[in-house]
C-alpha atoms as a PDB file:
ATOM      1  CA  MET A   1     104.383  86.852 100.033  1.00  0.00           C
ATOM      2  CA  VAL A   2     102.877  85.140  96.903  1.00  0.00           C
ATOM      3  CA  GLU A   3     104.310  82.196  95.180  1.00  0.00           C
ATOM      4  CA  GLY A   4     103.157  80.544  91.887  1.00  0.00           C
ATOM      5  CA  ARG A   5     103.777  76.968  90.699  1.00  0.00           C
ATOM      6  CA  ARG A   6     103.309  75.884  87.007  1.00  0.00           C
ATOM      7  CA  GLY A   7     101.651  72.815  85.521  1.00  0.00           C
ATOM      8  CA  SER A   8      98.466  71.226  85.675  1.00  0.00           C
ATOM      9  CA  GLN A   9      98.632  70.903  89.514  1.00  0.00           C
ATOM     10  CA  GLY A  10      99.757  74.630  89.590  1.00  0.00           C
ATOM     11  CA  GLY A  11      98.775  77.969  90.759  1.00  0.00           C
ATOM     12  CA  TYR A  12      99.124  80.633  93.248  1.00  0.00           C
ATOM     13  CA  GLY A  13      99.550  80.269  97.005  1.00  0.00           C
ATOM     14  CA  ILE A  14     100.526  82.449 100.581  1.00  0.00           C
ATOM     15  CA  LYS A  15     104.113  81.805 100.820  1.00  0.00           C
ATOM     16  CA  ALA A  16     104.568  83.675 103.867  1.00  0.00           C
ATOM     17  CA  PRO A  17     103.381  82.248 107.414  1.00  0.00           C
ATOM     18  CA  LEU A  18      99.491  82.763 107.610  1.00  0.00           C
ATOM     19  CA  ASP A  19     100.308  83.905 111.323  1.00  0.00           C
ATOM     20  CA  SER A  20     102.403  86.542 110.361  1.00  0.00           C
ATOM     21  CA  LEU A  21      99.873  87.932 107.846  1.00  0.00           C
ATOM     22  CA  THR A  22      97.034  90.097 108.370  1.00  0.00           C
ATOM     23  CA  ILE A  23      93.562  91.047 106.003  1.00  0.00           C
ATOM     24  CA  TYR A  24      95.116  94.238 105.776  1.00  0.00           C
ATOM     25  CA  ASP A  25      98.480  92.974 104.654  1.00  0.00           C
ATOM     26  CA  ILE A  26      96.721  90.883 101.519  1.00  0.00           C
ATOM     27  CA  TYR A  27      94.275  94.136 100.924  1.00  0.00           C
ATOM     28  CA  ILE A  28      97.424  96.247 100.575  1.00  0.00           C
ATOM     29  CA  VAL A  29      99.239  93.786  98.023  1.00  0.00           C
ATOM     30  CA  ILE A  30      96.026  93.494  95.831  1.00  0.00           C
ATOM     31  CA  ASN A  31      94.648  97.195  96.024  1.00  0.00           C
ATOM     32  CA  GLY A  32      96.979  99.571  97.485  1.00  0.00           C
ATOM     33  CA  GLU A  33      96.260 102.045 100.375  1.00  0.00           C
ATOM     34  CA  ILE A  34      93.218 102.297 101.970  1.00  0.00           C
ATOM     35  CA  TYR A  35      91.282 105.118 101.837  1.00  0.00           C
ATOM     36  CA  VAL A  36      87.582 105.641 103.166  1.00  0.00           C
ATOM     37  CA  GLY A  37      87.165 108.721 100.524  1.00  0.00           C
ATOM     38  CA  GLU A  38      89.821 110.387  98.040  1.00  0.00           C
ATOM     39  CA  CYS A  39      89.993 113.169 100.439  1.00  0.00           C
ATOM     40  CA  MET A  40      91.928 110.957 102.415  1.00  0.00           C
ATOM     41  CA  GLN A  41      94.684 110.663  99.842  1.00  0.00           C
ATOM     42  CA  GLN A  42      97.523 112.773 100.221  1.00  0.00           C
ATOM     43  CA  GLY A  43      98.002 115.535  97.980  1.00  0.00           C
ATOM     44  CA  TYR A  44      94.275 115.589  97.108  1.00  0.00           C
ATOM     45  CA  ASP A  45      92.710 119.138  97.354  1.00  0.00           C
ATOM     46  CA  CYS A  46      89.417 119.020  98.574  1.00  0.00           C
ATOM     47  CA  PRO A  47      86.963 121.776  97.139  1.00  0.00           C
ATOM     48  CA  ASN A  48      85.613 122.020 100.558  1.00  0.00           C
ATOM     49  CA  ASN A  49      88.903 123.440 102.033  1.00  0.00           C
ATOM     50  CA  ILE A  50      88.874 127.014 100.846  1.00  0.00           C
ATOM     51  CA  GLY A  51      90.780 129.452 102.476  1.00  0.00           C
ATOM     52  CA  ASP A  52      89.677 129.587 106.075  1.00  0.00           C
ATOM     53  CA  LYS A  53      86.735 127.417 105.545  1.00  0.00           C
ATOM     54  CA  LYS A  54      87.719 123.818 106.533  1.00  0.00           C
ATOM     55  CA  CYS A  55      85.500 120.385 105.819  1.00  0.00           C
ATOM     56  CA  MET A  56      83.827 119.628 108.979  1.00  0.00           C
ATOM     57  CA  LEU A  57      84.080 115.596 108.389  1.00  0.00           C
ATOM     58  CA  HIS A  58      87.693 115.241 107.498  1.00  0.00           C
ATOM     59  CA  LYS A  59      88.895 114.425 110.898  1.00  0.00           C
ATOM     60  CA  GLU A  60      86.235 112.130 111.588  1.00  0.00           C
ATOM     61  CA  LEU A  61      86.747 110.331 108.244  1.00  0.00           C
ATOM     62  CA  ARG A  62      90.578 109.917 109.162  1.00  0.00           C
ATOM     63  CA  ARG A  63      89.601 108.444 112.730  1.00  0.00           C
ATOM     64  CA  LEU A  64      87.416 106.027 110.809  1.00  0.00           C
ATOM     65  CA  GLN A  65      90.050 105.015 108.436  1.00  0.00           C
ATOM     66  CA  ASN A  66      92.780 104.749 111.163  1.00  0.00           C
ATOM     67  CA  GLU A  67      90.295 102.460 112.852  1.00  0.00           C
ATOM     68  CA  PHE A  68      89.403 100.368 110.218  1.00  0.00           C
ATOM     69  CA  ILE A  69      93.099  99.565 109.493  1.00  0.00           C
ATOM     70  CA  ARG A  70      93.947  98.749 112.970  1.00  0.00           C
ATOM     71  CA  SER A  71      90.658  96.456 113.113  1.00  0.00           C
ATOM     72  CA  MET A  72      92.041  94.904 109.996  1.00  0.00           C
ATOM     73  CA  ARG A  73      95.805  94.340 111.579  1.00  0.00           C
ATOM     74  CA  LYS A  74      94.241  93.047 114.780  1.00  0.00           C
ATOM     75  CA  GLN A  75      93.970  89.238 113.735  1.00  0.00           C
ATOM     76  CA  SER A  76      96.444  87.213 111.717  1.00  0.00           C
ATOM     77  CA  LEU A  77      95.097  85.110 108.952  1.00  0.00           C
ATOM     78  CA  SER A  78      95.902  82.130 110.793  1.00  0.00           C
ATOM     79  CA  GLN A  79      93.526  83.235 113.849  1.00  0.00           C
ATOM     80  CA  ILE A  80      90.674  84.142 111.214  1.00  0.00           C
ATOM     81  CA  LEU A  81      90.986  80.986 109.625  1.00  0.00           C
ATOM     82  CA  ASP A  82      91.288  79.140 113.181  1.00  0.00           C
ATOM     83  CA  LEU A  83      94.150  77.279 112.261  1.00  0.00           C
END
């Protein structure tokens, strides 16, 4: 996805076509998965989920996280940059 060039005119650039990449793709390469809260991470042991007591916010946070990811994937970089 990224290519580097050596020399005085070198640097880094996006190698993949911009019409095939989204903000989500770039974010994942740089930061890894997106979590709106640490409780969204797989294997996280939430202190608010004890026995029969379940966190009332978890379902809504999951929905918001999924909506955010869908929004980040909605447009290609070429659409965003109007290329």
